[in-house]
Structures are given as structure tokens and as C-alpha cells.
Amino acid sequence: MARHLTSRPTRICLEALALPVPQHGSGRKHTRLITLERWQVEIVERHPDRFLRGLFHSDGCRTINTVVRQVAGKSKRYEYPR
């Protein structure tokens, strides 16, 4: 017998959430300054690769982007995850 897992939308209304998760602050994301706290900077300095990967994948997109460019007169194909 197969079990089917379901997900349910969840809301958290807690002002303290803005402390560890600053992207949930007030205002529009593209107009407010987002800075890292010292403890966050320390983590990013230890794991810059993971930080960058998280930035690249933060929109939830998991596709392979394919680009073809002319390099030295030959077509070169580049693929990278997005």
C-alpha cells in the first residue's frame, strides 16, 4: 500500500523571524538594504561556495541553462544549472 505525502501552506507571524531570516523584513525586497550580521558574515567566509550556490538557487529554479557561443570561429556549447 503506497502512502501519499501531502504538504500544507504554513504561515508564521512572528516578529522575531526577521532576525535570523532578514529577507522577511518590512518593505519591498528590491528597495531595501540587506546586510549580513557578523555571525552571518563568519559563516559566509567559511563557506562562500555554499553561500553563492544558495543565492543562485534562491528562486527555486532547477533547470539547465544552455548557451551556444562562437569562440575562435567554432560553436561552443555551455550548460550550467540554474
C-alpha atoms as a PDB file:
ATOM      1  CA  MET A   1       0.000   0.000   0.000  1.00  0.00           C
ATOM      2  CA  ALA A   2       1.526   3.319  -1.102  1.00  0.00           C
ATOM      3  CA  ARG A   3       1.497   6.299   1.244  1.00  0.00           C
ATOM      4  CA  HIS A   4       0.889   9.689  -0.292  1.00  0.00           C
ATOM      5  CA  LEU A   5       2.510  12.634   1.400  1.00  0.00           C
ATOM      6  CA  THR A   6       0.847  15.997   1.177  1.00  0.00           C
ATOM      7  CA  SER A   7       2.025  19.472   2.007  1.00  0.00           C
ATOM      8  CA  ARG A   8       0.059  22.275   3.537  1.00  0.00           C
ATOM      9  CA  PRO A   9       0.687  26.017   3.348  1.00  0.00           C
ATOM     10  CA  THR A  10       2.010  27.331   6.623  1.00  0.00           C
ATOM     11  CA  ARG A  11       2.142  30.884   7.910  1.00  0.00           C
ATOM     12  CA  ILE A  12       4.340  32.146  10.670  1.00  0.00           C
ATOM     13  CA  CYS A  13       3.513  35.508  12.180  1.00  0.00           C
ATOM     14  CA  LEU A  14       6.416  36.238  14.448  1.00  0.00           C
ATOM     15  CA  GLU A  15       8.401  39.463  14.593  1.00  0.00           C
ATOM     16  CA  ALA A  16      11.499  37.584  15.751  1.00  0.00           C
ATOM     17  CA  LEU A  17      11.549  35.755  12.399  1.00  0.00           C
ATOM     18  CA  ALA A  18      13.152  38.847  10.842  1.00  0.00           C
ATOM     19  CA  LEU A  19      16.271  38.349  12.981  1.00  0.00           C
ATOM     20  CA  PRO A  20      17.625  35.064  11.570  1.00  0.00           C
ATOM     21  CA  VAL A  21      15.833  35.456   8.237  1.00  0.00           C
ATOM     22  CA  PRO A  22      16.343  39.103   7.189  1.00  0.00           C
ATOM     23  CA  GLN A  23      14.720  38.709   3.778  1.00  0.00           C
ATOM     24  CA  HIS A  24      11.380  38.664   5.613  1.00  0.00           C
ATOM     25  CA  GLY A  25      11.737  42.278   6.759  1.00  0.00           C
ATOM     26  CA  SER A  26       9.370  45.123   6.037  1.00  0.00           C
ATOM     27  CA  GLY A  27       9.164  46.863   2.674  1.00  0.00           C
ATOM     28  CA  ARG A  28       9.823  45.718  -0.862  1.00  0.00           C
ATOM     29  CA  LYS A  29      12.877  43.489  -1.261  1.00  0.00           C
ATOM     30  CA  HIS A  30      14.324  45.356  -4.211  1.00  0.00           C
ATOM     31  CA  THR A  31      14.224  48.734  -2.419  1.00  0.00           C
ATOM     32  CA  ARG A  32      15.631  47.891   0.994  1.00  0.00           C
ATOM     33  CA  LEU A  33      19.203  47.332   2.026  1.00  0.00           C
ATOM     34  CA  ILE A  34      20.022  43.774   3.019  1.00  0.00           C
ATOM     35  CA  THR A  35      23.171  43.433   5.106  1.00  0.00           C
ATOM     36  CA  LEU A  36      24.645  40.436   6.850  1.00  0.00           C
ATOM     37  CA  GLU A  37      25.077  40.336  10.600  1.00  0.00           C
ATOM     38  CA  ARG A  38      28.557  39.498  11.918  1.00  0.00           C
ATOM     39  CA  TRP A  39      27.607  35.872  12.639  1.00  0.00           C
ATOM     40  CA  GLN A  40      26.302  35.530   9.076  1.00  0.00           C
ATOM     41  CA  VAL A  41      29.492  37.033   7.630  1.00  0.00           C
ATOM     42  CA  GLU A  42      31.537  34.467   9.565  1.00  0.00           C
ATOM     43  CA  ILE A  43      29.521  31.626   8.046  1.00  0.00           C
ATOM     44  CA  VAL A  44      29.796  33.073   4.525  1.00  0.00           C
ATOM     45  CA  GLU A  45      33.558  33.494   4.938  1.00  0.00           C
ATOM     46  CA  ARG A  46      33.866  29.817   5.937  1.00  0.00           C
ATOM     47  CA  HIS A  47      31.573  28.563   3.159  1.00  0.00           C
ATOM     48  CA  PRO A  48      31.484  31.062   0.257  1.00  0.00           C
ATOM     49  CA  ASP A  49      30.687  28.315  -2.259  1.00  0.00           C
ATOM     50  CA  ARG A  50      27.563  27.271  -0.376  1.00  0.00           C
ATOM     51  CA  PHE A  51      26.502  30.895   0.023  1.00  0.00           C
ATOM     52  CA  LEU A  52      26.806  31.556  -3.709  1.00  0.00           C
ATOM     53  CA  ARG A  53      25.005  28.347  -4.575  1.00  0.00           C
ATOM     54  CA  GLY A  54      22.184  29.374  -2.276  1.00  0.00           C
ATOM     55  CA  LEU A  55      21.956  32.749  -3.996  1.00  0.00           C
ATOM     56  CA  PHE A  56      21.826  31.148  -7.420  1.00  0.00           C
ATOM     57  CA  HIS A  57      19.138  28.688  -6.351  1.00  0.00           C
ATOM     58  CA  SER A  58      17.138  31.034  -4.146  1.00  0.00           C
ATOM     59  CA  ASP A  59      14.361  31.409  -6.706  1.00  0.00           C
ATOM     60  CA  GLY A  60      13.627  27.676  -6.604  1.00  0.00           C
ATOM     61  CA  CYS A  61      14.526  27.154 -10.269  1.00  0.00           C
ATOM     62  CA  ARG A  62      16.285  23.874 -11.067  1.00  0.00           C
ATOM     63  CA  THR A  63      16.884  23.831 -14.811  1.00  0.00           C
ATOM     64  CA  ILE A  64      19.907  23.507 -17.068  1.00  0.00           C
ATOM     65  CA  ASN A  65      20.623  26.693 -18.979  1.00  0.00           C
ATOM     66  CA  THR A  66      22.215  26.066 -22.382  1.00  0.00           C
ATOM     67  CA  VAL A  67      24.159  28.748 -24.235  1.00  0.00           C
ATOM     68  CA  VAL A  68      25.880  28.444 -27.616  1.00  0.00           C
ATOM     69  CA  ARG A  69      28.600  30.975 -28.424  1.00  0.00           C
ATOM     70  CA  GLN A  70      31.155  31.390 -31.175  1.00  0.00           C
ATOM     71  CA  VAL A  71      34.670  31.021 -29.758  1.00  0.00           C
ATOM     72  CA  ALA A  72      37.647  31.208 -32.128  1.00  0.00           C
ATOM     73  CA  GLY A  73      35.312  30.582 -35.063  1.00  0.00           C
ATOM     74  CA  LYS A  74      33.764  27.431 -33.567  1.00  0.00           C
ATOM     75  CA  SER A  75      30.460  26.914 -31.810  1.00  0.00           C
ATOM     76  CA  LYS A  76      30.919  26.213 -28.116  1.00  0.00           C
ATOM     77  CA  ARG A  77      28.045  24.905 -26.037  1.00  0.00           C
ATOM     78  CA  TYR A  78      27.902  25.744 -22.328  1.00  0.00           C
ATOM     79  CA  GLU A  79      25.477  24.211 -19.892  1.00  0.00           C
ATOM     80  CA  TYR A  80      25.048  25.176 -16.288  1.00  0.00           C
ATOM     81  CA  PRO A  81      22.383  24.580 -13.649  1.00  0.00           C
ATOM     82  CA  ARG A  82      20.050  27.441 -12.858  1.00  0.00           C
END
